[in-house]
Amino acid sequence: MFDKSKITKVYSGRKGCACGCRGKYSYGSKYISRRPSYYDHMEGVSDRTVSVITNRVMGLLQDQNAPVERVIWEDNFVAVDLMNDRTYTLYFT
């Protein structure tokens, strides 16, 4: 399907704007510098959250009965919109 090690960040939120006002971005520590940065304070560096959202998206894509409304698959991201006004997005390197 896709290489989990290449996921730099994930988004979980309500459908619509993905600037962060309707959800949350989480970043993998592998892709963030070790010095304090904007991301450490404003967003979230969480390998656990990246893993949880990645596994959730993989499960939704494999389940024929999942309440998926739309899937957008591009070179650098995959977005899954659910029928319950939720969206998950995985961003790749």
PDB file of N, CA and C in Angstrom:
ATOM      1  N   MET A   1       0.833  -1.183   0.000  1.00  0.00           N
ATOM      2  CA  MET A   1       0.000   0.000   0.000  1.00  0.00           C
ATOM      3  C   MET A   1       0.886   1.260   0.000  1.00  0.00           C
ATOM      4  N   PHE A   2       1.605   1.516   1.101  1.00  0.00           N
ATOM      5  CA  PHE A   2       2.573   2.604   1.162  1.00  0.00           C
ATOM      6  C   PHE A   2       3.559   2.309   2.279  1.00  0.00           C
ATOM      7  N   ASP A   3       4.696   2.992   2.220  1.00  0.00           N
ATOM      8  CA  ASP A   3       5.769   2.779   3.182  1.00  0.00           C
ATOM      9  C   ASP A   3       5.549   3.657   4.411  1.00  0.00           C
ATOM     10  N   LYS A   4       5.257   3.029   5.552  1.00  0.00           N
ATOM     11  CA  LYS A   4       4.990   3.778   6.784  1.00  0.00           C
ATOM     12  C   LYS A   4       6.169   4.642   7.216  1.00  0.00           C
ATOM     13  N   SER A   5       7.375   4.220   6.904  1.00  0.00           N
ATOM     14  CA  SER A   5       8.557   4.968   7.343  1.00  0.00           C
ATOM     15  C   SER A   5       8.711   6.299   6.612  1.00  0.00           C
ATOM     16  N   LYS A   6       7.961   6.509   5.552  1.00  0.00           N
ATOM     17  CA  LYS A   6       8.055   7.750   4.789  1.00  0.00           C
ATOM     18  C   LYS A   6       6.973   8.770   5.152  1.00  0.00           C
ATOM     19  N   ILE A   7       6.192   8.479   6.182  1.00  0.00           N
ATOM     20  CA  ILE A   7       5.141   9.403   6.610  1.00  0.00           C
ATOM     21  C   ILE A   7       5.757  10.459   7.523  1.00  0.00           C
ATOM     22  N   THR A   8       5.675  11.711   7.103  1.00  0.00           N
ATOM     23  CA  THR A   8       6.283  12.807   7.858  1.00  0.00           C
ATOM     24  C   THR A   8       5.330  13.407   8.875  1.00  0.00           C
ATOM     25  N   LYS A   9       4.048  13.480   8.525  1.00  0.00           N
ATOM     26  CA  LYS A   9       3.054  14.047   9.434  1.00  0.00           C
ATOM     27  C   LYS A   9       1.687  13.501   9.083  1.00  0.00           C
ATOM     28  N   VAL A  10       0.768  13.660  10.025  1.00  0.00           N
ATOM     29  CA  VAL A  10      -0.612  13.230   9.829  1.00  0.00           C
ATOM     30  C   VAL A  10      -1.533  14.357  10.277  1.00  0.00           C
ATOM     31  N   TYR A  11      -2.746  14.324   9.739  1.00  0.00           N
ATOM     32  CA  TYR A  11      -3.777  15.291  10.132  1.00  0.00           C
ATOM     33  C   TYR A  11      -5.029  14.517  10.493  1.00  0.00           C
ATOM     34  N   SER A  12      -5.658  14.920  11.579  1.00  0.00           N
ATOM     35  CA  SER A  12      -6.929  14.347  11.993  1.00  0.00           C
ATOM     36  C   SER A  12      -7.835  15.502  12.383  1.00  0.00           C
ATOM     37  N   GLY A  13      -8.985  15.587  11.727  1.00  0.00           N
ATOM     38  CA  GLY A  13      -9.894  16.684  12.045  1.00  0.00           C
ATOM     39  C   GLY A  13     -11.196  16.575  11.294  1.00  0.00           C
ATOM     40  N   ARG A  14     -11.959  17.651  11.372  1.00  0.00           N
ATOM     41  CA  ARG A  14     -13.217  17.707  10.642  1.00  0.00           C
ATOM     42  C   ARG A  14     -12.954  18.083   9.190  1.00  0.00           C
ATOM     43  N   LYS A  15     -13.845  17.674   8.316  1.00  0.00           N
ATOM     44  CA  LYS A  15     -13.702  17.989   6.894  1.00  0.00           C
ATOM     45  C   LYS A  15     -13.770  19.494   6.673  1.00  0.00           C
ATOM     46  N   GLY A  16     -13.139  19.921   5.608  1.00  0.00           N
ATOM     47  CA  GLY A  16     -13.130  21.339   5.261  1.00  0.00           C
ATOM     48  C   GLY A  16     -11.711  21.856   5.269  1.00  0.00           C
ATOM     49  N   CYS A  17     -11.498  22.947   5.909  1.00  0.00           N
ATOM     50  CA  CYS A  17     -10.186  23.580   5.985  1.00  0.00           C
ATOM     51  C   CYS A  17      -9.205  22.675   6.717  1.00  0.00           C
ATOM     52  N   ALA A  18      -7.996  22.539   6.197  1.00  0.00           N
ATOM     53  CA  ALA A  18      -6.978  21.712   6.846  1.00  0.00           C
ATOM     54  C   ALA A  18      -5.796  22.555   7.309  1.00  0.00           C
ATOM     55  N   CYS A  19      -6.068  23.817   7.653  1.00  0.00           N
ATOM     56  CA  CYS A  19      -4.996  24.689   8.137  1.00  0.00           C
ATOM     57  C   CYS A  19      -4.654  24.375   9.584  1.00  0.00           C
ATOM     58  N   GLY A  20      -5.467  23.590  10.237  1.00  0.00           N
ATOM     59  CA  GLY A  20      -5.265  23.259  11.636  1.00  0.00           C
ATOM     60  C   GLY A  20      -6.364  23.811  12.518  1.00  0.00           C
ATOM     61  N   CYS A  21      -7.246  24.620  11.958  1.00  0.00           N
ATOM     62  CA  CYS A  21      -8.332  25.209  12.763  1.00  0.00           C
ATOM     63  C   CYS A  21      -9.437  24.197  13.057  1.00  0.00           C
ATOM     64  N   ARG A  22      -9.533  23.130  12.270  1.00  0.00           N
ATOM     65  CA  ARG A  22     -10.595  22.136  12.452  1.00  0.00           C
ATOM     66  C   ARG A  22     -10.045  20.779  12.885  1.00  0.00           C
ATOM     67  N   GLY A  23      -8.731  20.736  13.180  1.00  0.00           N
ATOM     68  CA  GLY A  23      -8.125  19.474  13.570  1.00  0.00           C
ATOM     69  C   GLY A  23      -6.715  19.681  14.061  1.00  0.00           C
ATOM     70  N   LYS A  24      -5.932  18.613  14.034  1.00  0.00           N
ATOM     71  CA  LYS A  24      -4.589  18.654  14.597  1.00  0.00           C
ATOM     72  C   LYS A  24      -3.597  17.941  13.684  1.00  0.00           C
ATOM     73  N   TYR A  25      -2.447  18.551  13.519  1.00  0.00           N
ATOM     74  CA  TYR A  25      -1.324  17.922  12.835  1.00  0.00           C
ATOM     75  C   TYR A  25      -0.407  17.313  13.873  1.00  0.00           C
ATOM     76  N   SER A  26       0.132  16.158  13.566  1.00  0.00           N
ATOM     77  CA  SER A  26       1.146  15.524  14.406  1.00  0.00           C
ATOM     78  C   SER A  26       2.307  15.139  13.504  1.00  0.00           C
ATOM     79  N   TYR A  27       3.513  15.348  14.000  1.00  0.00           N
ATOM     80  CA  TYR A  27       4.730  15.135  13.215  1.00  0.00           C
ATOM     81  C   TYR A  27       5.532  13.986  13.792  1.00  0.00           C
ATOM     82  N   GLY A  28       6.154  13.213  12.903  1.00  0.00           N
ATOM     83  CA  GLY A  28       7.057  12.164  13.336  1.00  0.00           C
ATOM     84  C   GLY A  28       8.384  12.775  13.757  1.00  0.00           C
ATOM     85  N   SER A  29       8.940  12.315  14.860  1.00  0.00           N
ATOM     86  CA  SER A  29      10.176  12.897  15.385  1.00  0.00           C
ATOM     87  C   SER A  29      11.349  12.720  14.424  1.00  0.00           C
ATOM     88  N   LYS A  30      11.285  11.718  13.589  1.00  0.00           N
ATOM     89  CA  LYS A  30      12.343  11.462  12.620  1.00  0.00           C
ATOM     90  C   LYS A  30      12.500  12.624  11.636  1.00  0.00           C
ATOM     91  N   TYR A  31      11.442  13.374  11.413  1.00  0.00           N
ATOM     92  CA  TYR A  31      11.459  14.437  10.412  1.00  0.00           C
ATOM     93  C   TYR A  31      11.517  15.843  11.013  1.00  0.00           C
ATOM     94  N   ILE A  32      11.711  15.936  12.318  1.00  0.00           N
ATOM     95  CA  ILE A  32      11.826  17.225  12.989  1.00  0.00           C
ATOM     96  C   ILE A  32      13.235  17.331  13.560  1.00  0.00           C
ATOM     97  N   SER A  33      13.824  18.513  13.448  1.00  0.00           N
ATOM     98  CA  SER A  33      15.164  18.702  14.000  1.00  0.00           C
ATOM     99  C   SER A  33      15.117  18.583  15.517  1.00  0.00           C
ATOM    100  N   ARG A  34      16.234  18.288  16.124  1.00  0.00           N
ATOM    101  CA  ARG A  34      16.301  18.083  17.565  1.00  0.00           C
ATOM    102  C   ARG A  34      16.308  19.382  18.365  1.00  0.00           C
ATOM    103  N   ARG A  35      16.593  20.507  17.732  1.00  0.00           N
ATOM    104  CA  ARG A  35      16.560  21.769  18.472  1.00  0.00           C
ATOM    105  C   ARG A  35      15.112  22.250  18.582  1.00  0.00           C
ATOM    106  N   PRO A  36      14.781  23.017  19.615  1.00  0.00           N
ATOM    107  CA  PRO A  36      13.402  23.507  19.747  1.00  0.00           C
ATOM    108  C   PRO A  36      12.988  24.283  18.504  1.00  0.00           C
ATOM    109  N   SER A  37      11.771  24.071  18.096  1.00  0.00           N
ATOM    110  CA  SER A  37      11.299  24.722  16.879  1.00  0.00           C
ATOM    111  C   SER A  37       9.826  25.078  17.014  1.00  0.00           C
ATOM    112  N   TYR A  38       9.335  25.698  15.994  1.00  0.00           N
ATOM    113  CA  TYR A  38       7.914  26.059  15.901  1.00  0.00           C
ATOM    114  C   TYR A  38       7.026  24.845  16.138  1.00  0.00           C
ATOM    115  N   TYR A  39       7.396  23.720  15.546  1.00  0.00           N
ATOM    116  CA  TYR A  39       6.551  22.533  15.617  1.00  0.00           C
ATOM    117  C   TYR A  39       6.433  21.993  17.036  1.00  0.00           C
ATOM    118  N   ASP A  40       7.507  22.108  17.822  1.00  0.00           N
ATOM    119  CA  ASP A  40       7.473  21.600  19.192  1.00  0.00           C
ATOM    120  C   ASP A  40       6.454  22.346  20.041  1.00  0.00           C
ATOM    121  N   HIS A  41       6.241  23.613  19.742  1.00  0.00           N
ATOM    122  CA  HIS A  41       5.371  24.434  20.574  1.00  0.00           C
ATOM    123  C   HIS A  41       3.957  24.572  19.998  1.00  0.00           C
ATOM    124  N   MET A  42       3.839  24.671  18.702  1.00  0.00           N
ATOM    125  CA  MET A  42       2.549  24.965  18.097  1.00  0.00           C
ATOM    126  C   MET A  42       1.788  23.719  17.663  1.00  0.00           C
ATOM    127  N   GLU A  43       2.472  22.714  17.298  1.00  0.00           N
ATOM    128  CA  GLU A  43       1.796  21.521  16.797  1.00  0.00           C
ATOM    129  C   GLU A  43       2.051  20.371  17.761  1.00  0.00           C
ATOM    130  N   GLY A  44       2.417  19.255  17.266  1.00  0.00           N
ATOM    131  CA  GLY A  44       2.707  18.130  18.130  1.00  0.00           C
ATOM    132  C   GLY A  44       3.676  17.184  17.477  1.00  0.00           C
ATOM    133  N   VAL A  45       4.728  16.861  18.177  1.00  0.00           N
ATOM    134  CA  VAL A  45       5.660  15.855  17.706  1.00  0.00           C
ATOM    135  C   VAL A  45       5.307  14.594  18.473  1.00  0.00           C
ATOM    136  N   SER A  46       4.710  13.640  17.780  1.00  0.00           N
ATOM    137  CA  SER A  46       4.242  12.429  18.443  1.00  0.00           C
ATOM    138  C   SER A  46       4.298  11.243  17.486  1.00  0.00           C
ATOM    139  N   ASP A  47       5.289  10.412  17.680  1.00  0.00           N
ATOM    140  CA  ASP A  47       5.391   9.200  16.864  1.00  0.00           C
ATOM    141  C   ASP A  47       4.200   8.282  17.113  1.00  0.00           C
ATOM    142  N   ARG A  48       3.696   8.280  18.329  1.00  0.00           N
ATOM    143  CA  ARG A  48       2.552   7.432  18.662  1.00  0.00           C
ATOM    144  C   ARG A  48       1.312   7.864  17.880  1.00  0.00           C
ATOM    145  N   THR A  49       1.042   9.167  17.844  1.00  0.00           N
ATOM    146  CA  THR A  49      -0.124   9.653  17.106  1.00  0.00           C
ATOM    147  C   THR A  49       0.016   9.386  15.621  1.00  0.00           C
ATOM    148  N   VAL A  50       1.219   9.580  15.089  1.00  0.00           N
ATOM    149  CA  VAL A  50       1.462   9.289  13.670  1.00  0.00           C
ATOM    150  C   VAL A  50       1.163   7.818  13.390  1.00  0.00           C
ATOM    151  N   SER A  51       1.602   6.942  14.271  1.00  0.00           N
ATOM    152  CA  SER A  51       1.363   5.513  14.101  1.00  0.00           C
ATOM    153  C   SER A  51      -0.120   5.162  14.211  1.00  0.00           C
ATOM    154  N   VAL A  52      -0.812   5.737  15.180  1.00  0.00           N
ATOM    155  CA  VAL A  52      -2.240   5.451  15.378  1.00  0.00           C
ATOM    156  C   VAL A  52      -3.054   5.890  14.162  1.00  0.00           C
ATOM    157  N   ILE A  53      -2.815   7.109  13.680  1.00  0.00           N
ATOM    158  CA  ILE A  53      -3.569   7.620  12.527  1.00  0.00           C
ATOM    159  C   ILE A  53      -3.221   6.822  11.270  1.00  0.00           C
ATOM    160  N   THR A  54      -1.952   6.474  11.112  1.00  0.00           N
ATOM    161  CA  THR A  54      -1.538   5.670   9.956  1.00  0.00           C
ATOM    162  C   THR A  54      -2.251   4.321   9.958  1.00  0.00           C
ATOM    163  N   ASN A  55      -2.277   3.651  11.094  1.00  0.00           N
ATOM    164  CA  ASN A  55      -2.952   2.353  11.189  1.00  0.00           C
ATOM    165  C   ASN A  55      -4.455   2.492  10.951  1.00  0.00           C
ATOM    166  N   ARG A  56      -5.036   3.578  11.435  1.00  0.00           N
ATOM    167  CA  ARG A  56      -6.470   3.811  11.223  1.00  0.00           C
ATOM    168  C   ARG A  56      -6.763   3.971   9.733  1.00  0.00           C
ATOM    169  N   VAL A  57      -5.950   4.767   9.040  1.00  0.00           N
ATOM    170  CA  VAL A  57      -6.148   4.985   7.601  1.00  0.00           C
ATOM    171  C   VAL A  57      -5.959   3.681   6.837  1.00  0.00           C
ATOM    172  N   MET A  58      -4.936   2.929   7.186  1.00  0.00           N
ATOM    173  CA  MET A  58      -4.713   1.655   6.510  1.00  0.00           C
ATOM    174  C   MET A  58      -5.908   0.718   6.702  1.00  0.00           C
ATOM    175  N   GLY A  59      -6.463   0.693   7.903  1.00  0.00           N
ATOM    176  CA  GLY A  59      -7.636  -0.135   8.162  1.00  0.00           C
ATOM    177  C   GLY A  59      -8.846   0.316   7.364  1.00  0.00           C
ATOM    178  N   LEU A  60      -9.049   1.626   7.283  1.00  0.00           N
ATOM    179  CA  LEU A  60     -10.183   2.152   6.515  1.00  0.00           C
ATOM    180  C   LEU A  60     -10.049   1.824   5.032  1.00  0.00           C
ATOM    181  N   LEU A  61      -8.828   1.903   4.510  1.00  0.00           N
ATOM    182  CA  LEU A  61      -8.617   1.628   3.085  1.00  0.00           C
ATOM    183  C   LEU A  61      -8.797   0.149   2.753  1.00  0.00           C
ATOM    184  N   GLN A  62      -8.600  -0.717   3.730  1.00  0.00           N
ATOM    185  CA  GLN A  62      -8.714  -2.157   3.492  1.00  0.00           C
ATOM    186  C   GLN A  62     -10.113  -2.699   3.773  1.00  0.00           C
ATOM    187  N   ASP A  63     -10.905  -1.964   4.541  1.00  0.00           N
ATOM    188  CA  ASP A  63     -12.239  -2.425   4.938  1.00  0.00           C
ATOM    189  C   ASP A  63     -13.281  -1.996   3.901  1.00  0.00           C
ATOM    190  N   GLN A  64     -13.887  -2.959   3.251  1.00  0.00           N
ATOM    191  CA  GLN A  64     -14.901  -2.682   2.227  1.00  0.00           C
ATOM    192  C   GLN A  64     -16.149  -2.033   2.810  1.00  0.00           C
ATOM    193  N   ASN A  65     -16.408  -2.250   4.106  1.00  0.00           N
ATOM    194  CA  ASN A  65     -17.610  -1.722   4.744  1.00  0.00           C
ATOM    195  C   ASN A  65     -17.358  -0.457   5.552  1.00  0.00           C
ATOM    196  N   ALA A  66     -16.172   0.108   5.450  1.00  0.00           N
ATOM    197  CA  ALA A  66     -15.842   1.323   6.200  1.00  0.00           C
ATOM    198  C   ALA A  66     -16.673   2.493   5.690  1.00  0.00           C
ATOM    199  N   PRO A  67     -17.037   3.428   6.566  1.00  0.00           N
ATOM    200  CA  PRO A  67     -17.865   4.567   6.169  1.00  0.00           C
ATOM    201  C   PRO A  67     -17.057   5.655   5.448  1.00  0.00           C
ATOM    202  N   VAL A  68     -16.350   5.251   4.408  1.00  0.00           N
ATOM    203  CA  VAL A  68     -15.496   6.172   3.655  1.00  0.00           C
ATOM    204  C   VAL A  68     -16.324   6.870   2.578  1.00  0.00           C
ATOM    205  N   GLU A  69     -16.280   8.182   2.582  1.00  0.00           N
ATOM    206  CA  GLU A  69     -16.996   8.971   1.581  1.00  0.00           C
ATOM    207  C   GLU A  69     -16.123   9.229   0.357  1.00  0.00           C
ATOM    208  N   ARG A  70     -14.838   9.534   0.617  1.00  0.00           N
ATOM    209  CA  ARG A  70     -13.954   9.880  -0.497  1.00  0.00           C
ATOM    210  C   ARG A  70     -12.502   9.617  -0.097  1.00  0.00           C
ATOM    211  N   VAL A  71     -11.697   9.178  -1.067  1.00  0.00           N
ATOM    212  CA  VAL A  71     -10.252   9.004  -0.870  1.00  0.00           C
ATOM    213  C   VAL A  71      -9.544   9.819  -1.939  1.00  0.00           C
ATOM    214  N   ILE A  72      -8.606  10.634  -1.506  1.00  0.00           N
ATOM    215  CA  ILE A  72      -7.779  11.411  -2.437  1.00  0.00           C
ATOM    216  C   ILE A  72      -6.359  10.902  -2.278  1.00  0.00           C
ATOM    217  N   TRP A  73      -5.803  10.374  -3.347  1.00  0.00           N
ATOM    218  CA  TRP A  73      -4.470   9.785  -3.299  1.00  0.00           C
ATOM    219  C   TRP A  73      -3.579  10.536  -4.273  1.00  0.00           C
ATOM    220  N   GLU A  74      -2.608  11.267  -3.769  1.00  0.00           N
ATOM    221  CA  GLU A  74      -1.649  12.007  -4.574  1.00  0.00           C
ATOM    222  C   GLU A  74      -0.248  11.458  -4.308  1.00  0.00           C
ATOM    223  N   ASP A  75       0.750  12.015  -4.981  1.00  0.00           N
ATOM    224  CA  ASP A  75       2.124  11.561  -4.787  1.00  0.00           C
ATOM    225  C   ASP A  75       2.628  11.783  -3.363  1.00  0.00           C
ATOM    226  N   ASN A  76       2.262  12.907  -2.760  1.00  0.00           N
ATOM    227  CA  ASN A  76       2.817  13.239  -1.451  1.00  0.00           C
ATOM    228  C   ASN A  76       1.810  13.153  -0.294  1.00  0.00           C
ATOM    229  N   PHE A  77       0.596  12.715  -0.542  1.00  0.00           N
ATOM    230  CA  PHE A  77      -0.364  12.534   0.554  1.00  0.00           C
ATOM    231  C   PHE A  77      -1.510  11.625   0.135  1.00  0.00           C
ATOM    232  N   VAL A  78      -2.193  11.108   1.153  1.00  0.00           N
ATOM    233  CA  VAL A  78      -3.452  10.400   0.953  1.00  0.00           C
ATOM    234  C   VAL A  78      -4.420  10.940   2.007  1.00  0.00           C
ATOM    235  N   ALA A  79      -5.621  11.319   1.568  1.00  0.00           N
ATOM    236  CA  ALA A  79      -6.649  11.847   2.465  1.00  0.00           C
ATOM    237  C   ALA A  79      -7.871  10.949   2.391  1.00  0.00           C
ATOM    238  N   VAL A  80      -8.431  10.660   3.553  1.00  0.00           N
ATOM    239  CA  VAL A  80      -9.629   9.825   3.640  1.00  0.00           C
ATOM    240  C   VAL A  80     -10.707  10.624   4.359  1.00  0.00           C
ATOM    241  N   ASP A  81     -11.788  10.921   3.664  1.00  0.00           N
ATOM    242  CA  ASP A  81     -12.940  11.607   4.244  1.00  0.00           C
ATOM    243  C   ASP A  81     -13.978  10.563   4.628  1.00  0.00           C
ATOM    244  N   LEU A  82     -14.439  10.640   5.862  1.00  0.00           N
ATOM    245  CA  LEU A  82     -15.457   9.717   6.342  1.00  0.00           C
ATOM    246  C   LEU A  82     -16.832  10.364   6.284  1.00  0.00           C
ATOM    247  N   MET A  83     -17.860   9.554   6.322  1.00  0.00           N
ATOM    248  CA  MET A  83     -19.227  10.060   6.252  1.00  0.00           C
ATOM    249  C   MET A  83     -19.639  10.805   7.515  1.00  0.00           C
ATOM    250  N   ASN A  84     -18.891  10.653   8.602  1.00  0.00           N
ATOM    251  CA  ASN A  84     -19.241  11.307   9.867  1.00  0.00           C
ATOM    252  C   ASN A  84     -18.508  12.645  10.044  1.00  0.00           C
ATOM    253  N   ASP A  85     -18.146  13.322   8.946  1.00  0.00           N
ATOM    254  CA  ASP A  85     -17.515  14.640   8.970  1.00  0.00           C
ATOM    255  C   ASP A  85     -16.089  14.611   9.509  1.00  0.00           C
ATOM    256  N   ARG A  86     -15.412  13.487   9.393  1.00  0.00           N
ATOM    257  CA  ARG A  86     -14.028  13.349   9.863  1.00  0.00           C
ATOM    258  C   ARG A  86     -13.130  13.144   8.661  1.00  0.00           C
ATOM    259  N   THR A  87     -11.904  13.635   8.759  1.00  0.00           N
ATOM    260  CA  THR A  87     -10.925  13.391   7.708  1.00  0.00           C
ATOM    261  C   THR A  87      -9.579  13.044   8.329  1.00  0.00           C
ATOM    262  N   TYR A  88      -8.873  12.153   7.681  1.00  0.00           N
ATOM    263  CA  TYR A  88      -7.520  11.770   8.074  1.00  0.00           C
ATOM    264  C   TYR A  88      -6.635  11.951   6.849  1.00  0.00           C
ATOM    265  N   THR A  89      -5.461  12.531   7.054  1.00  0.00           N
ATOM    266  CA  THR A  89      -4.523  12.719   5.953  1.00  0.00           C
ATOM    267  C   THR A  89      -3.135  12.285   6.397  1.00  0.00           C
ATOM    268  N   LEU A  90      -2.467  11.543   5.533  1.00  0.00           N
ATOM    269  CA  LEU A  90      -1.080  11.134   5.745  1.00  0.00           C
ATOM    270  C   LEU A  90      -0.231  11.852   4.713  1.00  0.00           C
ATOM    271  N   TYR A  91       0.864  12.444   5.147  1.00  0.00           N
ATOM    272  CA  TYR A  91       1.783  13.157   4.247  1.00  0.00           C
ATOM    273  C   TYR A  91       3.085  12.379   4.163  1.00  0.00           C
ATOM    274  N   PHE A  92       3.590  12.217   2.934  1.00  0.00           N
ATOM    275  CA  PHE A  92       4.804  11.446   2.688  1.00  0.00           C
ATOM    276  C   PHE A  92       5.984  12.334   2.325  1.00  0.00           C
ATOM    277  N   THR A  93       7.196  11.803   2.496  1.00  0.00           N
ATOM    278  CA  THR A  93       8.394  12.532   2.076  1.00  0.00           C
ATOM    279  C   THR A  93       8.461  12.595   0.585  1.00  0.00           C
TER     280      THR A  93
END
